[in-house]
Amino acid sequence: MRLIIQRVTHASVAVDDQIVGRCGVGFCILAGVKISDTQAEAKWLANKVANLRVFEDEAGKMNLSLLDVKGEALVVSQFTLYANAQRGRRPDFIDAARPEQAEPLIDYFVQQLRVEGVPTQTGVFRAVMQVEIHNEGPVTLLLEKEQEG
């Protein structure tokens, strides 16, 4: 799985001009699933995201986690994170998981974030979405967990 994590003051996602998910202070997470991904990667990433120390403490140092600041998450599926544009002018998506594999894995990732204690909302899988992100810092991280072995 590949995640683009943006530290936000707030974020929302709309479908057909209707807000379907939002979060306050926390992370807006764009999540892509690779064809070889399993629940093991999703669970590891959920724990990593919940405990990633990128929020400022009273001294202004990035030393607090999403759990420490009682933050929220907004997860938006995005198969284009596995686009390959190295050759030609149109990207291919050969490494991206098919929807029937990706959707349950995104759902599992969201469930694991909630198990970690992070209030989490989502977009709508396979919908055309408008995402509004109020990035703080800005702080944007790429996080990926490849299968081991």
Protein backbone atom coordinates (compact mmCIF):
# COMPACT_ATOMS: atom_id res chain seq x y z
CA MET A 1 0.00 0.00 0.00
CA ARG A 2 1.05 3.54 -0.68
CA LEU A 3 -0.21 6.49 1.35
CA ILE A 4 0.13 10.21 0.84
CA ILE A 5 -0.40 11.66 4.30
CA GLN A 6 -1.12 15.35 4.67
CA ARG A 7 -1.29 17.02 8.06
CA VAL A 8 -4.43 19.17 7.96
CA THR A 9 -6.40 21.66 10.00
CA HIS A 10 -9.45 20.21 8.24
CA ALA A 11 -10.36 18.33 5.10
CA SER A 12 -13.48 17.11 3.35
CA VAL A 13 -14.53 14.99 0.42
CA ALA A 14 -17.66 15.51 -1.65
CA VAL A 15 -19.53 13.46 -4.23
CA ASP A 16 -22.09 15.25 -6.41
CA ASP A 17 -21.59 18.40 -4.31
CA GLN A 18 -22.54 16.56 -1.09
CA ILE A 19 -19.99 16.19 1.71
CA VAL A 20 -19.57 12.46 2.35
CA GLY A 21 -16.59 12.58 4.72
CA ARG A 22 -14.57 15.10 6.70
CA CYS A 23 -12.04 15.50 9.44
CA GLY A 24 -10.77 18.24 11.67
CA VAL A 25 -7.18 18.45 12.87
CA GLY A 26 -5.41 15.33 11.73
CA PHE A 27 -4.56 13.62 8.46
CA CYS A 28 -6.03 13.54 5.01
CA ILE A 29 -4.77 10.23 3.63
CA LEU A 30 -4.78 9.37 -0.05
CA ALA A 31 -4.52 5.57 -0.19
CA GLY A 32 -3.52 3.35 -3.09
CA VAL A 33 -3.48 -0.43 -3.15
CA LYS A 34 -0.97 -2.50 -5.11
CA ILE A 35 -1.93 -5.87 -6.57
CA SER A 36 0.33 -7.73 -4.12
CA ASP A 37 -0.94 -5.96 -0.97
CA THR A 38 -2.51 -7.86 1.91
CA GLN A 39 -4.12 -7.09 5.26
CA ALA A 40 -0.67 -7.32 6.87
CA GLU A 41 0.48 -4.15 5.07
CA ALA A 42 -2.79 -2.36 5.85
CA LYS A 43 -2.58 -3.20 9.56
CA TRP A 44 1.08 -2.14 9.78
CA LEU A 45 0.31 1.15 8.03
CA ALA A 46 -2.67 1.90 10.30
CA ASN A 47 -0.46 1.49 13.37
CA LYS A 48 2.28 3.60 11.78
CA VAL A 49 -0.16 6.38 10.83
CA ALA A 50 -1.75 6.51 14.29
CA ASN A 51 1.65 6.80 15.99
CA LEU A 52 3.57 8.92 13.47
CA ARG A 53 4.98 11.91 15.38
CA VAL A 54 4.46 14.89 13.07
CA PHE A 55 2.40 17.23 15.23
CA GLU A 56 4.11 19.98 17.17
CA ASP A 57 4.52 19.87 20.93
CA GLU A 58 4.60 22.94 23.18
CA ALA A 59 8.23 23.54 22.16
CA GLY A 60 7.32 23.61 18.47
CA LYS A 61 9.00 20.25 17.72
CA MET A 62 7.28 17.54 15.68
CA ASN A 63 6.96 15.19 18.61
CA LEU A 64 3.26 14.32 18.94
CA SER A 65 1.22 11.64 17.19
CA LEU A 66 -2.29 11.70 15.81
CA LEU A 67 -3.36 9.87 18.98
CA ASP A 68 -1.58 12.42 21.20
CA VAL A 69 -3.44 15.35 19.62
CA LYS A 70 -6.73 13.41 19.49
CA GLY A 71 -6.75 13.94 15.75
CA GLU A 72 -8.98 12.52 13.06
CA ALA A 73 -8.40 11.00 9.64
CA LEU A 74 -10.05 11.27 6.27
CA VAL A 75 -9.13 8.38 3.95
CA VAL A 76 -9.65 8.76 0.21
CA SER A 77 -8.92 5.84 -2.08
CA GLN A 78 -6.73 6.76 -5.03
CA PHE A 79 -5.63 4.07 -7.46
CA THR A 80 -3.59 6.66 -9.38
CA LEU A 81 -0.91 6.46 -6.68
CA TYR A 82 0.28 3.37 -8.56
CA ALA A 83 0.39 5.05 -11.96
CA ASN A 84 3.51 4.41 -13.99
CA ALA A 85 4.32 7.29 -16.32
CA GLN A 86 7.94 6.37 -17.11
CA ARG A 87 7.23 5.56 -20.76
CA GLY A 88 4.92 7.24 -23.20
CA ARG A 89 2.53 10.04 -22.39
CA ARG A 90 -0.31 8.12 -20.82
CA PRO A 91 0.29 6.40 -17.48
CA ASP A 92 -0.46 2.73 -17.02
CA PHE A 93 -1.99 1.32 -13.87
CA ILE A 94 -0.68 -2.24 -14.10
CA ASP A 95 0.51 -2.28 -10.47
CA ALA A 96 -2.77 -0.91 -9.05
CA ALA A 97 -5.11 -3.47 -7.51
CA ARG A 98 -8.43 -4.11 -9.22
CA PRO A 99 -11.43 -2.56 -7.42
CA GLU A 100 -12.67 -5.90 -6.07
CA GLN A 101 -9.33 -6.34 -4.27
CA ALA A 102 -8.64 -2.71 -3.39
CA GLU A 103 -11.97 -1.76 -1.82
CA PRO A 104 -11.94 -4.42 0.93
CA LEU A 105 -8.30 -3.60 1.70
CA ILE A 106 -9.03 0.14 2.00
CA ASP A 107 -11.99 -0.75 4.24
CA TYR A 108 -9.71 -2.93 6.37
CA PHE A 109 -7.15 -0.11 6.65
CA VAL A 110 -9.91 2.27 7.81
CA GLN A 111 -11.16 -0.32 10.31
CA GLN A 112 -7.63 -0.74 11.68
CA LEU A 113 -7.23 3.04 12.09
CA ARG A 114 -10.42 3.00 14.14
CA VAL A 115 -9.11 0.07 16.20
CA GLU A 116 -6.00 2.18 16.89
CA GLY A 117 -8.33 4.87 18.28
CA VAL A 118 -8.40 7.28 15.33
CA PRO A 119 -11.86 8.61 14.36
CA THR A 120 -11.88 8.03 10.60
CA GLN A 121 -14.18 8.96 7.74
CA THR A 122 -13.86 8.12 4.05
CA GLY A 123 -14.76 9.09 0.55
CA VAL A 124 -16.85 6.85 -1.71
CA PHE A 125 -14.95 4.12 -3.48
CA ARG A 126 -14.96 4.44 -7.31
CA ALA A 127 -16.83 7.77 -7.20
CA VAL A 128 -15.65 11.01 -8.75
CA MET A 129 -14.73 12.99 -5.66
CA GLN A 130 -13.78 16.57 -4.88
CA VAL A 131 -11.28 16.67 -2.04
CA GLU A 132 -10.68 19.85 -0.08
CA ILE A 133 -7.48 19.79 1.93
CA HIS A 134 -6.27 22.52 4.28
CA ASN A 135 -2.69 21.36 4.65
CA GLU A 136 -0.92 22.55 7.78
CA GLY A 137 2.76 23.34 7.61
CA PRO A 138 2.59 22.09 4.92
CA VAL A 139 3.50 18.60 6.05
CA THR A 140 3.10 15.89 3.41
CA LEU A 141 4.60 12.42 3.70
CA LEU A 142 4.78 9.38 1.45
CA LEU A 143 4.41 6.17 3.42
CA GLU A 144 4.61 2.73 1.92
CA LYS A 145 4.79 -0.79 3.23
CA GLU A 146 6.12 -3.41 0.86
CA GLN A 147 5.66 -7.09 1.55
CA GLU A 148 8.55 -8.60 3.41
CA GLY A 149 10.45 -11.57 2.09
